[in-house]
Amino acid sequence: MDPLAGTYVVTTTVLALAGGVLFAFAVSAYRESGRRSMAALMAGFGLIVAAAVGTPALWFAGTVANPVALLAVNTGLYAAATSLVAVSLVVYEPGTREFVIPESDLTKFQK
């Protein structure tokens, strides 16, 4: 294996493992909270892992005739994953009132 391919395999493995850990955390958070934002986060990290594992697997298996199409699918998966992670940050959850600043401190700022 040439050094460039080896580097690709190593960085892809790190990305897949890190994405897998984040996916596991998101699954745990979704199970505990049942929030839609955690479901979006879980789906986003799941797509990251799918892209990180699927693209090189297809490439090294030699089943792809058009590398540009493979890159387009890979980029599409990463775009969808990034969008889902962003959605998880902005999803409105009715009935929740969570503040980064505790309410006791918030009243000090409002006075």
PDB file of N, CA and C in Angstrom:
ATOM      1  N   MET A   1       0.859  -1.180   0.000  1.00  0.00           N
ATOM      2  CA  MET A   1       0.000   0.000   0.000  1.00  0.00           C
ATOM      3  C   MET A   1       0.900   1.236   0.000  1.00  0.00           C
ATOM      4  N   ASP A   2       0.597   2.152  -0.883  1.00  0.00           N
ATOM      5  CA  ASP A   2       1.433   3.354  -0.931  1.00  0.00           C
ATOM      6  C   ASP A   2       1.120   4.260   0.262  1.00  0.00           C
ATOM      7  N   PRO A   3       2.046   5.161   0.604  1.00  0.00           N
ATOM      8  CA  PRO A   3       1.872   5.994   1.805  1.00  0.00           C
ATOM      9  C   PRO A   3       0.596   6.846   1.795  1.00  0.00           C
ATOM     10  N   LEU A   4       0.212   7.337   0.618  1.00  0.00           N
ATOM     11  CA  LEU A   4      -0.992   8.157   0.551  1.00  0.00           C
ATOM     12  C   LEU A   4      -2.242   7.335   0.877  1.00  0.00           C
ATOM     13  N   ALA A   5      -2.325   6.135   0.334  1.00  0.00           N
ATOM     14  CA  ALA A   5      -3.458   5.256   0.632  1.00  0.00           C
ATOM     15  C   ALA A   5      -3.454   4.862   2.105  1.00  0.00           C
ATOM     16  N   GLY A   6      -2.271   4.607   2.653  1.00  0.00           N
ATOM     17  CA  GLY A   6      -2.165   4.278   4.077  1.00  0.00           C
ATOM     18  C   GLY A   6      -2.633   5.417   4.962  1.00  0.00           C
ATOM     19  N   THR A   7      -2.253   6.637   4.587  1.00  0.00           N
ATOM     20  CA  THR A   7      -2.696   7.812   5.336  1.00  0.00           C
ATOM     21  C   THR A   7      -4.209   7.955   5.271  1.00  0.00           C
ATOM     22  N   TYR A   8      -4.761   7.692   4.099  1.00  0.00           N
ATOM     23  CA  TYR A   8      -6.214   7.759   3.917  1.00  0.00           C
ATOM     24  C   TYR A   8      -6.913   6.737   4.805  1.00  0.00           C
ATOM     25  N   VAL A   9      -6.385   5.536   4.861  1.00  0.00           N
ATOM     26  CA  VAL A   9      -6.990   4.494   5.684  1.00  0.00           C
ATOM     27  C   VAL A   9      -6.921   4.875   7.162  1.00  0.00           C
ATOM     28  N   VAL A  10      -5.791   5.400   7.599  1.00  0.00           N
ATOM     29  CA  VAL A  10      -5.633   5.769   9.009  1.00  0.00           C
ATOM     30  C   VAL A  10      -6.573   6.913   9.377  1.00  0.00           C
ATOM     31  N   THR A  11      -6.604   7.967   8.558  1.00  0.00           N
ATOM     32  CA  THR A  11      -7.468   9.106   8.894  1.00  0.00           C
ATOM     33  C   THR A  11      -8.949   8.736   8.813  1.00  0.00           C
ATOM     34  N   THR A  12      -9.297   7.866   7.875  1.00  0.00           N
ATOM     35  CA  THR A  12     -10.680   7.418   7.767  1.00  0.00           C
ATOM     36  C   THR A  12     -11.070   6.571   8.970  1.00  0.00           C
ATOM     37  N   THR A  13     -10.157   5.739   9.436  1.00  0.00           N
ATOM     38  CA  THR A  13     -10.408   4.918  10.622  1.00  0.00           C
ATOM     39  C   THR A  13     -10.622   5.791  11.847  1.00  0.00           C
ATOM     40  N   VAL A  14      -9.789   6.819  11.995  1.00  0.00           N
ATOM     41  CA  VAL A  14      -9.945   7.745  13.131  1.00  0.00           C
ATOM     42  C   VAL A  14     -11.289   8.464  13.047  1.00  0.00           C
ATOM     43  N   LEU A  15     -11.653   8.923  11.842  1.00  0.00           N
ATOM     44  CA  LEU A  15     -12.942   9.595  11.660  1.00  0.00           C
ATOM     45  C   LEU A  15     -14.097   8.659  11.990  1.00  0.00           C
ATOM     46  N   ALA A  16     -14.038   7.423  11.530  1.00  0.00           N
ATOM     47  CA  ALA A  16     -15.115   6.463  11.787  1.00  0.00           C
ATOM     48  C   ALA A  16     -15.220   6.142  13.277  1.00  0.00           C
ATOM     49  N   LEU A  17     -14.095   5.972  13.938  1.00  0.00           N
ATOM     50  CA  LEU A  17     -14.131   5.678  15.382  1.00  0.00           C
ATOM     51  C   LEU A  17     -14.658   6.863  16.184  1.00  0.00           C
ATOM     52  N   ALA A  18     -14.184   8.056  15.863  1.00  0.00           N
ATOM     53  CA  ALA A  18     -14.661   9.244  16.577  1.00  0.00           C
ATOM     54  C   ALA A  18     -16.152   9.454  16.307  1.00  0.00           C
ATOM     55  N   GLY A  19     -16.568   9.293  15.061  1.00  0.00           N
ATOM     56  CA  GLY A  19     -17.986   9.411  14.732  1.00  0.00           C
ATOM     57  C   GLY A  19     -18.819   8.359  15.434  1.00  0.00           C
ATOM     58  N   GLY A  20     -18.278   7.146  15.553  1.00  0.00           N
ATOM     59  CA  GLY A  20     -18.978   6.077  16.258  1.00  0.00           C
ATOM     60  C   GLY A  20     -19.177   6.387  17.726  1.00  0.00           C
ATOM     61  N   VAL A  21     -18.153   6.960  18.353  1.00  0.00           N
ATOM     62  CA  VAL A  21     -18.266   7.346  19.764  1.00  0.00           C
ATOM     63  C   VAL A  21     -19.309   8.445  19.923  1.00  0.00           C
ATOM     64  N   LEU A  22     -19.271   9.441  19.049  1.00  0.00           N
ATOM     65  CA  LEU A  22     -20.259  10.518  19.117  1.00  0.00           C
ATOM     66  C   LEU A  22     -21.671  10.003  18.842  1.00  0.00           C
ATOM     67  N   PHE A  23     -21.787   9.055  17.918  1.00  0.00           N
ATOM     68  CA  PHE A  23     -23.077   8.431  17.639  1.00  0.00           C
ATOM     69  C   PHE A  23     -23.598   7.712  18.885  1.00  0.00           C
ATOM     70  N   ALA A  24     -22.731   6.975  19.570  1.00  0.00           N
ATOM     71  CA  ALA A  24     -23.138   6.270  20.787  1.00  0.00           C
ATOM     72  C   ALA A  24     -23.593   7.250  21.865  1.00  0.00           C
ATOM     73  N   PHE A  25     -22.886   8.371  22.022  1.00  0.00           N
ATOM     74  CA  PHE A  25     -23.301   9.390  22.987  1.00  0.00           C
ATOM     75  C   PHE A  25     -24.660   9.976  22.612  1.00  0.00           C
ATOM     76  N   ALA A  26     -24.866  10.214  21.313  1.00  0.00           N
ATOM     77  CA  ALA A  26     -26.137  10.777  20.859  1.00  0.00           C
ATOM     78  C   ALA A  26     -27.284   9.791  21.070  1.00  0.00           C
ATOM     79  N   VAL A  27     -27.036   8.505  20.836  1.00  0.00           N
ATOM     80  CA  VAL A  27     -28.061   7.486  21.094  1.00  0.00           C
ATOM     81  C   VAL A  27     -28.427   7.484  22.569  1.00  0.00           C
ATOM     82  N   SER A  28     -27.428   7.522  23.427  1.00  0.00           N
ATOM     83  CA  SER A  28     -27.664   7.538  24.868  1.00  0.00           C
ATOM     84  C   SER A  28     -28.456   8.784  25.277  1.00  0.00           C
ATOM     85  N   ALA A  29     -28.087   9.937  24.726  1.00  0.00           N
ATOM     86  CA  ALA A  29     -28.788  11.179  25.056  1.00  0.00           C
ATOM     87  C   ALA A  29     -30.225  11.132  24.564  1.00  0.00           C
ATOM     88  N   TYR A  30     -30.441  10.552  23.382  1.00  0.00           N
ATOM     89  CA  TYR A  30     -31.806  10.459  22.857  1.00  0.00           C
ATOM     90  C   TYR A  30     -32.654   9.520  23.711  1.00  0.00           C
ATOM     91  N   ARG A  31     -32.081   8.415  24.125  1.00  0.00           N
ATOM     92  CA  ARG A  31     -32.834   7.467  24.968  1.00  0.00           C
ATOM     93  C   ARG A  31     -33.199   8.078  26.308  1.00  0.00           C
ATOM     94  N   GLU A  32     -32.300   8.890  26.866  1.00  0.00           N
ATOM     95  CA  GLU A  32     -32.574   9.513  28.156  1.00  0.00           C
ATOM     96  C   GLU A  32     -33.578  10.651  28.055  1.00  0.00           C
ATOM     97  N   SER A  33     -33.483  11.428  26.980  1.00  0.00           N
ATOM     98  CA  SER A  33     -34.301  12.635  26.898  1.00  0.00           C
ATOM     99  C   SER A  33     -35.505  12.515  25.966  1.00  0.00           C
ATOM    100  N   GLY A  34     -35.398  11.700  24.927  1.00  0.00           N
ATOM    101  CA  GLY A  34     -36.459  11.585  23.939  1.00  0.00           C
ATOM    102  C   GLY A  34     -36.620  12.825  23.071  1.00  0.00           C
ATOM    103  N   ARG A  35     -35.634  13.690  23.068  1.00  0.00           N
ATOM    104  CA  ARG A  35     -35.724  14.952  22.329  1.00  0.00           C
ATOM    105  C   ARG A  35     -35.429  14.773  20.851  1.00  0.00           C
ATOM    106  N   ARG A  36     -36.156  15.555  20.041  1.00  0.00           N
ATOM    107  CA  ARG A  36     -35.930  15.526  18.591  1.00  0.00           C
ATOM    108  C   ARG A  36     -34.541  16.015  18.230  1.00  0.00           C
ATOM    109  N   SER A  37     -34.010  16.940  19.005  1.00  0.00           N
ATOM    110  CA  SER A  37     -32.675  17.453  18.714  1.00  0.00           C
ATOM    111  C   SER A  37     -31.638  16.337  18.836  1.00  0.00           C
ATOM    112  N   MET A  38     -31.816  15.459  19.791  1.00  0.00           N
ATOM    113  CA  MET A  38     -30.879  14.344  19.949  1.00  0.00           C
ATOM    114  C   MET A  38     -31.063  13.306  18.849  1.00  0.00           C
ATOM    115  N   ALA A  39     -32.288  13.159  18.350  1.00  0.00           N
ATOM    116  CA  ALA A  39     -32.525  12.258  17.221  1.00  0.00           C
ATOM    117  C   ALA A  39     -31.829  12.787  15.971  1.00  0.00           C
ATOM    118  N   ALA A  40     -31.883  14.104  15.762  1.00  0.00           N
ATOM    119  CA  ALA A  40     -31.192  14.707  14.615  1.00  0.00           C
ATOM    120  C   ALA A  40     -29.687  14.555  14.755  1.00  0.00           C
ATOM    121  N   LEU A  41     -29.182  14.751  15.965  1.00  0.00           N
ATOM    122  CA  LEU A  41     -27.747  14.595  16.216  1.00  0.00           C
ATOM    123  C   LEU A  41     -27.313  13.157  15.968  1.00  0.00           C
ATOM    124  N   MET A  42     -28.125  12.215  16.431  1.00  0.00           N
ATOM    125  CA  MET A  42     -27.848  10.797  16.242  1.00  0.00           C
ATOM    126  C   MET A  42     -27.811  10.454  14.751  1.00  0.00           C
ATOM    127  N   ALA A  43     -28.779  10.938  13.997  1.00  0.00           N
ATOM    128  CA  ALA A  43     -28.815  10.671  12.559  1.00  0.00           C
ATOM    129  C   ALA A  43     -27.617  11.307  11.858  1.00  0.00           C
ATOM    130  N   GLY A  44     -27.245  12.509  12.264  1.00  0.00           N
ATOM    131  CA  GLY A  44     -26.100  13.183  11.659  1.00  0.00           C
ATOM    132  C   GLY A  44     -24.805  12.416  11.862  1.00  0.00           C
ATOM    133  N   PHE A  45     -24.556  11.986  13.087  1.00  0.00           N
ATOM    134  CA  PHE A  45     -23.334  11.225  13.347  1.00  0.00           C
ATOM    135  C   PHE A  45     -23.394   9.841  12.706  1.00  0.00           C
ATOM    136  N   GLY A  46     -24.578   9.279  12.608  1.00  0.00           N
ATOM    137  CA  GLY A  46     -24.724   8.006  11.904  1.00  0.00           C
ATOM    138  C   GLY A  46     -24.346   8.134  10.431  1.00  0.00           C
ATOM    139  N   LEU A  47     -24.763   9.229   9.800  1.00  0.00           N
ATOM    140  CA  LEU A  47     -24.388   9.460   8.405  1.00  0.00           C
ATOM    141  C   LEU A  47     -22.892   9.690   8.246  1.00  0.00           C
ATOM    142  N   ILE A  48     -22.283  10.347   9.214  1.00  0.00           N
ATOM    143  CA  ILE A  48     -20.831  10.552   9.162  1.00  0.00           C
ATOM    144  C   ILE A  48     -20.116   9.209   9.180  1.00  0.00           C
ATOM    145  N   VAL A  49     -20.547   8.328  10.060  1.00  0.00           N
ATOM    146  CA  VAL A  49     -19.928   7.000  10.133  1.00  0.00           C
ATOM    147  C   VAL A  49     -20.182   6.220   8.844  1.00  0.00           C
ATOM    148  N   ALA A  50     -21.401   6.308   8.327  1.00  0.00           N
ATOM    149  CA  ALA A  50     -21.722   5.602   7.074  1.00  0.00           C
ATOM    150  C   ALA A  50     -20.847   6.096   5.926  1.00  0.00           C
ATOM    151  N   ALA A  51     -20.660   7.400   5.826  1.00  0.00           N
ATOM    152  CA  ALA A  51     -19.812   7.950   4.764  1.00  0.00           C
ATOM    153  C   ALA A  51     -18.352   7.575   4.976  1.00  0.00           C
ATOM    154  N   ALA A  52     -17.901   7.630   6.228  1.00  0.00           N
ATOM    155  CA  ALA A  52     -16.499   7.335   6.516  1.00  0.00           C
ATOM    156  C   ALA A  52     -16.152   5.874   6.257  1.00  0.00           C
ATOM    157  N   VAL A  53     -17.090   4.984   6.488  1.00  0.00           N
ATOM    158  CA  VAL A  53     -16.831   3.555   6.285  1.00  0.00           C
ATOM    159  C   VAL A  53     -17.201   3.117   4.867  1.00  0.00           C
ATOM    160  N   GLY A  54     -18.333   3.587   4.385  1.00  0.00           N
ATOM    161  CA  GLY A  54     -18.849   3.116   3.095  1.00  0.00           C
ATOM    162  C   GLY A  54     -18.033   3.546   1.897  1.00  0.00           C
ATOM    163  N   THR A  55     -17.612   4.792   1.874  1.00  0.00           N
ATOM    164  CA  THR A  55     -16.883   5.306   0.713  1.00  0.00           C
ATOM    165  C   THR A  55     -15.569   4.564   0.478  1.00  0.00           C
ATOM    166  N   PRO A  56     -14.701   4.458   1.483  1.00  0.00           N
ATOM    167  CA  PRO A  56     -13.459   3.723   1.220  1.00  0.00           C
ATOM    168  C   PRO A  56     -13.690   2.233   0.979  1.00  0.00           C
ATOM    169  N   ALA A  57     -14.705   1.667   1.621  1.00  0.00           N
ATOM    170  CA  ALA A  57     -14.991   0.244   1.397  1.00  0.00           C
ATOM    171  C   ALA A  57     -15.348   0.003  -0.062  1.00  0.00           C
ATOM    172  N   LEU A  58     -16.194   0.858  -0.614  1.00  0.00           N
ATOM    173  CA  LEU A  58     -16.555   0.725  -2.032  1.00  0.00           C
ATOM    174  C   LEU A  58     -15.355   0.979  -2.942  1.00  0.00           C
ATOM    175  N   TRP A  59     -14.551   1.949  -2.585  1.00  0.00           N
ATOM    176  CA  TRP A  59     -13.391   2.279  -3.412  1.00  0.00           C
ATOM    177  C   TRP A  59     -12.381   1.135  -3.440  1.00  0.00           C
ATOM    178  N   PHE A  60     -12.012   0.641  -2.269  1.00  0.00           N
ATOM    179  CA  PHE A  60     -10.999  -0.415  -2.205  1.00  0.00           C
ATOM    180  C   PHE A  60     -11.526  -1.750  -2.712  1.00  0.00           C
ATOM    181  N   ALA A  61     -12.834  -1.946  -2.665  1.00  0.00           N
ATOM    182  CA  ALA A  61     -13.404  -3.181  -3.214  1.00  0.00           C
ATOM    183  C   ALA A  61     -13.404  -3.155  -4.738  1.00  0.00           C
ATOM    184  N   GLY A  62     -13.244  -1.973  -5.302  1.00  0.00           N
ATOM    185  CA  GLY A  62     -13.189  -1.844  -6.749  1.00  0.00           C
ATOM    186  C   GLY A  62     -14.535  -1.944  -7.424  1.00  0.00           C
ATOM    187  N   THR A  63     -15.599  -1.690  -6.680  1.00  0.00           N
ATOM    188  CA  THR A  63     -16.944  -1.828  -7.248  1.00  0.00           C
ATOM    189  C   THR A  63     -17.442  -0.543  -7.883  1.00  0.00           C
ATOM    190  N   VAL A  64     -16.664   0.530  -7.802  1.00  0.00           N
ATOM    191  CA  VAL A  64     -17.105   1.818  -8.323  1.00  0.00           C
ATOM    192  C   VAL A  64     -16.357   2.121  -9.619  1.00  0.00           C
ATOM    193  N   ALA A  65     -17.116   2.314 -10.696  1.00  0.00           N
ATOM    194  CA  ALA A  65     -16.503   2.609 -11.990  1.00  0.00           C
ATOM    195  C   ALA A  65     -16.207   4.096 -12.141  1.00  0.00           C
ATOM    196  N   ASN A  66     -17.000   4.934 -11.483  1.00  0.00           N
ATOM    197  CA  ASN A  66     -16.852   6.376 -11.639  1.00  0.00           C
ATOM    198  C   ASN A  66     -16.465   7.009 -10.299  1.00  0.00           C
ATOM    199  N   PRO A  67     -15.186   7.349 -10.096  1.00  0.00           N
ATOM    200  CA  PRO A  67     -14.770   7.923  -8.814  1.00  0.00           C
ATOM    201  C   PRO A  67     -15.420   9.269  -8.514  1.00  0.00           C
ATOM    202  N   VAL A  68     -15.764  10.026  -9.545  1.00  0.00           N
ATOM    203  CA  VAL A  68     -16.416  11.321  -9.311  1.00  0.00           C
ATOM    204  C   VAL A  68     -17.804  11.108  -8.706  1.00  0.00           C
ATOM    205  N   ALA A  69     -18.511  10.100  -9.151  1.00  0.00           N
ATOM    206  CA  ALA A  69     -19.821   9.791  -8.571  1.00  0.00           C
ATOM    207  C   ALA A  69     -19.668   9.385  -7.107  1.00  0.00           C
ATOM    208  N   LEU A  70     -18.638   8.618  -6.800  1.00  0.00           N
ATOM    209  CA  LEU A  70     -18.392   8.213  -5.416  1.00  0.00           C
ATOM    210  C   LEU A  70     -18.092   9.427  -4.542  1.00  0.00           C
ATOM    211  N   LEU A  71     -17.293  10.343  -5.055  1.00  0.00           N
ATOM    212  CA  LEU A  71     -17.005  11.560  -4.297  1.00  0.00           C
ATOM    213  C   LEU A  71     -18.257  12.414  -4.123  1.00  0.00           C
ATOM    214  N   ALA A  72     -19.101  12.442  -5.137  1.00  0.00           N
ATOM    215  CA  ALA A  72     -20.348  13.204  -5.025  1.00  0.00           C
ATOM    216  C   ALA A  72     -21.257  12.616  -3.948  1.00  0.00           C
ATOM    217  N   VAL A  73     -21.358  11.309  -3.896  1.00  0.00           N
ATOM    218  CA  VAL A  73     -22.169  10.655  -2.857  1.00  0.00           C
ATOM    219  C   VAL A  73     -21.560  10.911  -1.485  1.00  0.00           C
ATOM    220  N   ASN A  74     -20.242  10.798  -1.387  1.00  0.00           N
ATOM    221  CA  ASN A  74     -19.551  11.041  -0.117  1.00  0.00           C
ATOM    222  C   ASN A  74     -19.809  12.461   0.361  1.00  0.00           C
ATOM    223  N   THR A  75     -19.648  13.427  -0.534  1.00  0.00           N
ATOM    224  CA  THR A  75     -19.874  14.819  -0.166  1.00  0.00           C
ATOM    225  C   THR A  75     -21.334  15.057   0.208  1.00  0.00           C
ATOM    226  N   GLY A  76     -22.249  14.428  -0.505  1.00  0.00           N
ATOM    227  CA  GLY A  76     -23.669  14.553  -0.169  1.00  0.00           C
ATOM    228  C   GLY A  76     -23.977  14.006   1.210  1.00  0.00           C
ATOM    229  N   LEU A  77     -23.383  12.864   1.556  1.00  0.00           N
ATOM    230  CA  LEU A  77     -23.600  12.293   2.892  1.00  0.00           C
ATOM    231  C   LEU A  77     -23.048  13.210   3.979  1.00  0.00           C
ATOM    232  N   TYR A  78     -21.845  13.759   3.742  1.00  0.00           N
ATOM    233  CA  TYR A  78     -21.279  14.678   4.730  1.00  0.00           C
ATOM    234  C   TYR A  78     -22.089  15.968   4.836  1.00  0.00           C
ATOM    235  N   ALA A  79     -22.614  16.456   3.716  1.00  0.00           N
ATOM    236  CA  ALA A  79     -23.455  17.656   3.747  1.00  0.00           C
ATOM    237  C   ALA A  79     -24.732  17.391   4.533  1.00  0.00           C
ATOM    238  N   ALA A  80     -25.364  16.256   4.291  1.00  0.00           N
ATOM    239  CA  ALA A  80     -26.579  15.899   5.031  1.00  0.00           C
ATOM    240  C   ALA A  80     -26.270  15.722   6.512  1.00  0.00           C
ATOM    241  N   ALA A  81     -25.147  15.084   6.817  1.00  0.00           N
ATOM    242  CA  ALA A  81     -24.767  14.868   8.214  1.00  0.00           C
ATOM    243  C   ALA A  81     -24.524  16.193   8.924  1.00  0.00           C
ATOM    244  N   THR A  82     -23.793  17.079   8.276  1.00  0.00           N
ATOM    245  CA  THR A  82     -23.509  18.384   8.881  1.00  0.00           C
ATOM    246  C   THR A  82     -24.801  19.175   9.072  1.00  0.00           C
ATOM    247  N   SER A  83     -25.705  19.085   8.118  1.00  0.00           N
ATOM    248  CA  SER A  83     -26.997  19.767   8.242  1.00  0.00           C
ATOM    249  C   SER A  83     -27.788  19.232   9.424  1.00  0.00           C
ATOM    250  N   LEU A  84     -27.786  17.919   9.613  1.00  0.00           N
ATOM    251  CA  LEU A  84     -28.509  17.331  10.746  1.00  0.00           C
ATOM    252  C   LEU A  84     -27.890  17.735  12.081  1.00  0.00           C
ATOM    253  N   VAL A  85     -26.567  17.797  12.136  1.00  0.00           N
ATOM    254  CA  VAL A  85     -25.912  18.247  13.368  1.00  0.00           C
ATOM    255  C   VAL A  85     -26.290  19.704  13.642  1.00  0.00           C
ATOM    256  N   ALA A  86     -26.317  20.540  12.592  1.00  0.00           N
ATOM    257  CA  ALA A  86     -26.730  21.939  12.765  1.00  0.00           C
ATOM    258  C   ALA A  86     -28.192  22.025  13.209  1.00  0.00           C
ATOM    259  N   VAL A  87     -29.064  21.195  12.626  1.00  0.00           N
ATOM    260  CA  VAL A  87     -30.478  21.183  13.008  1.00  0.00           C
ATOM    261  C   VAL A  87     -30.620  20.826  14.482  1.00  0.00           C
ATOM    262  N   SER A  88     -29.769  19.933  14.964  1.00  0.00           N
ATOM    263  CA  SER A  88     -29.864  19.533  16.371  1.00  0.00           C
ATOM    264  C   SER A  88     -29.597  20.702  17.313  1.00  0.00           C
ATOM    265  N   LEU A  89     -28.911  21.707  16.830  1.00  0.00           N
ATOM    266  CA  LEU A  89     -28.622  22.868  17.659  1.00  0.00           C
ATOM    267  C   LEU A  89     -29.750  23.893  17.670  1.00  0.00           C
ATOM    268  N   VAL A  90     -30.612  23.844  16.663  1.00  0.00           N
ATOM    269  CA  VAL A  90     -31.631  24.879  16.549  1.00  0.00           C
ATOM    270  C   VAL A  90     -33.058  24.363  16.664  1.00  0.00           C
ATOM    271  N   VAL A  91     -33.248  23.071  16.884  1.00  0.00           N
ATOM    272  CA  VAL A  91     -34.598  22.521  17.002  1.00  0.00           C
ATOM    273  C   VAL A  91     -35.250  23.064  18.266  1.00  0.00           C
ATOM    274  N   TYR A  92     -36.463  23.569  18.095  1.00  0.00           N
ATOM    275  CA  TYR A  92     -37.213  24.066  19.245  1.00  0.00           C
ATOM    276  C   TYR A  92     -37.926  22.913  19.925  1.00  0.00           C
ATOM    277  N   GLU A  93     -37.737  22.811  21.219  1.00  0.00           N
ATOM    278  CA  GLU A  93     -38.392  21.773  22.004  1.00  0.00           C
ATOM    279  C   GLU A  93     -39.471  22.424  22.869  1.00  0.00           C
ATOM    280  N   PRO A  94     -40.728  22.277  22.484  1.00  0.00           N
ATOM    281  CA  PRO A  94     -41.804  22.893  23.271  1.00  0.00           C
ATOM    282  C   PRO A  94     -41.802  22.394  24.715  1.00  0.00           C
ATOM    283  N   GLY A  95     -42.069  23.309  25.604  1.00  0.00           N
ATOM    284  CA  GLY A  95     -42.187  22.936  27.003  1.00  0.00           C
ATOM    285  C   GLY A  95     -40.880  22.912  27.773  1.00  0.00           C
ATOM    286  N   THR A  96     -39.776  23.183  27.127  1.00  0.00           N
ATOM    287  CA  THR A  96     -38.505  23.194  27.854  1.00  0.00           C
ATOM    288  C   THR A  96     -38.104  24.630  28.124  1.00  0.00           C
ATOM    289  N   ARG A  97     -37.553  24.826  29.270  1.00  0.00           N
ATOM    290  CA  ARG A  97     -37.037  26.147  29.633  1.00  0.00           C
ATOM    291  C   ARG A  97     -35.668  25.940  30.239  1.00  0.00           C
ATOM    292  N   GLU A  98     -34.690  25.807  29.397  1.00  0.00           N
ATOM    293  CA  GLU A  98     -33.339  25.576  29.872  1.00  0.00           C
ATOM    294  C   GLU A  98     -32.488  26.801  29.602  1.00  0.00           C
ATOM    295  N   PHE A  99     -31.771  27.216  30.585  1.00  0.00           N
ATOM    296  CA  PHE A  99     -30.890  28.357  30.455  1.00  0.00           C
ATOM    297  C   PHE A  99     -29.458  27.923  30.722  1.00  0.00           C
ATOM    298  N   VAL A 100     -28.532  28.505  29.984  1.00  0.00           N
ATOM    299  CA  VAL A 100     -27.126  28.278  30.276  1.00  0.00           C
ATOM    300  C   VAL A 100     -26.782  28.981  31.573  1.00  0.00           C
ATOM    301  N   ILE A 101     -27.388  30.144  31.757  1.00  0.00           N
ATOM    302  CA  ILE A 101     -27.202  30.894  32.993  1.00  0.00           C
ATOM    303  C   ILE A 101     -28.330  30.500  33.939  1.00  0.00           C
ATOM    304  N   PRO A 102     -28.013  30.110  35.183  1.00  0.00           N
ATOM    305  CA  PRO A 102     -29.078  29.760  36.130  1.00  0.00           C
ATOM    306  C   PRO A 102     -30.054  30.922  36.308  1.00  0.00           C
ATOM    307  N   GLU A 103     -31.322  30.582  36.574  1.00  0.00           N
ATOM    308  CA  GLU A 103     -32.348  31.615  36.699  1.00  0.00           C
ATOM    309  C   GLU A 103     -32.047  32.588  37.827  1.00  0.00           C
ATOM    310  N   SER A 104     -31.398  32.112  38.886  1.00  0.00           N
ATOM    311  CA  SER A 104     -31.051  33.021  39.984  1.00  0.00           C
ATOM    312  C   SER A 104     -30.092  34.104  39.517  1.00  0.00           C
ATOM    313  N   ASP A 105     -29.140  33.747  38.682  1.00  0.00           N
ATOM    314  CA  ASP A 105     -28.215  34.736  38.140  1.00  0.00           C
ATOM    315  C   ASP A 105     -28.884  35.593  37.071  1.00  0.00           C
ATOM    316  N   LEU A 106     -29.823  35.028  36.357  1.00  0.00           N
ATOM    317  CA  LEU A 106     -30.511  35.744  35.302  1.00  0.00           C
ATOM    318  C   LEU A 106     -31.311  36.917  35.874  1.00  0.00           C
ATOM    319  N   THR A 107     -31.908  36.743  37.048  1.00  0.00           N
ATOM    320  CA  THR A 107     -32.674  37.818  37.646  1.00  0.00           C
ATOM    321  C   THR A 107     -31.760  38.987  38.043  1.00  0.00           C
ATOM    322  N   LYS A 108     -30.525  38.696  38.400  1.00  0.00           N
ATOM    323  CA  LYS A 108     -29.558  39.759  38.721  1.00  0.00           C
ATOM    324  C   LYS A 108     -29.300  40.630  37.496  1.00  0.00           C
ATOM    325  N   PHE A 109     -29.189  39.986  36.327  1.00  0.00           N
ATOM    326  CA  PHE A 109     -28.918  40.728  35.104  1.00  0.00           C
ATOM    327  C   PHE A 109     -30.139  41.522  34.646  1.00  0.00           C
ATOM    328  N   GLN A 110     -31.331  41.055  34.984  1.00  0.00           N
ATOM    329  CA  GLN A 110     -32.550  41.724  34.537  1.00  0.00           C
ATOM    330  C   GLN A 110     -32.844  42.973  35.357  1.00  0.00           C
ATOM    331  N   LYS A 111     -32.271  43.098  36.534  1.00  0.00           N
ATOM    332  CA  LYS A 111     -32.531  44.256  37.413  1.00  0.00           C
ATOM    333  C   LYS A 111     -31.769  45.461  36.993  1.00  0.00           C
TER     334      LYS A 111
END
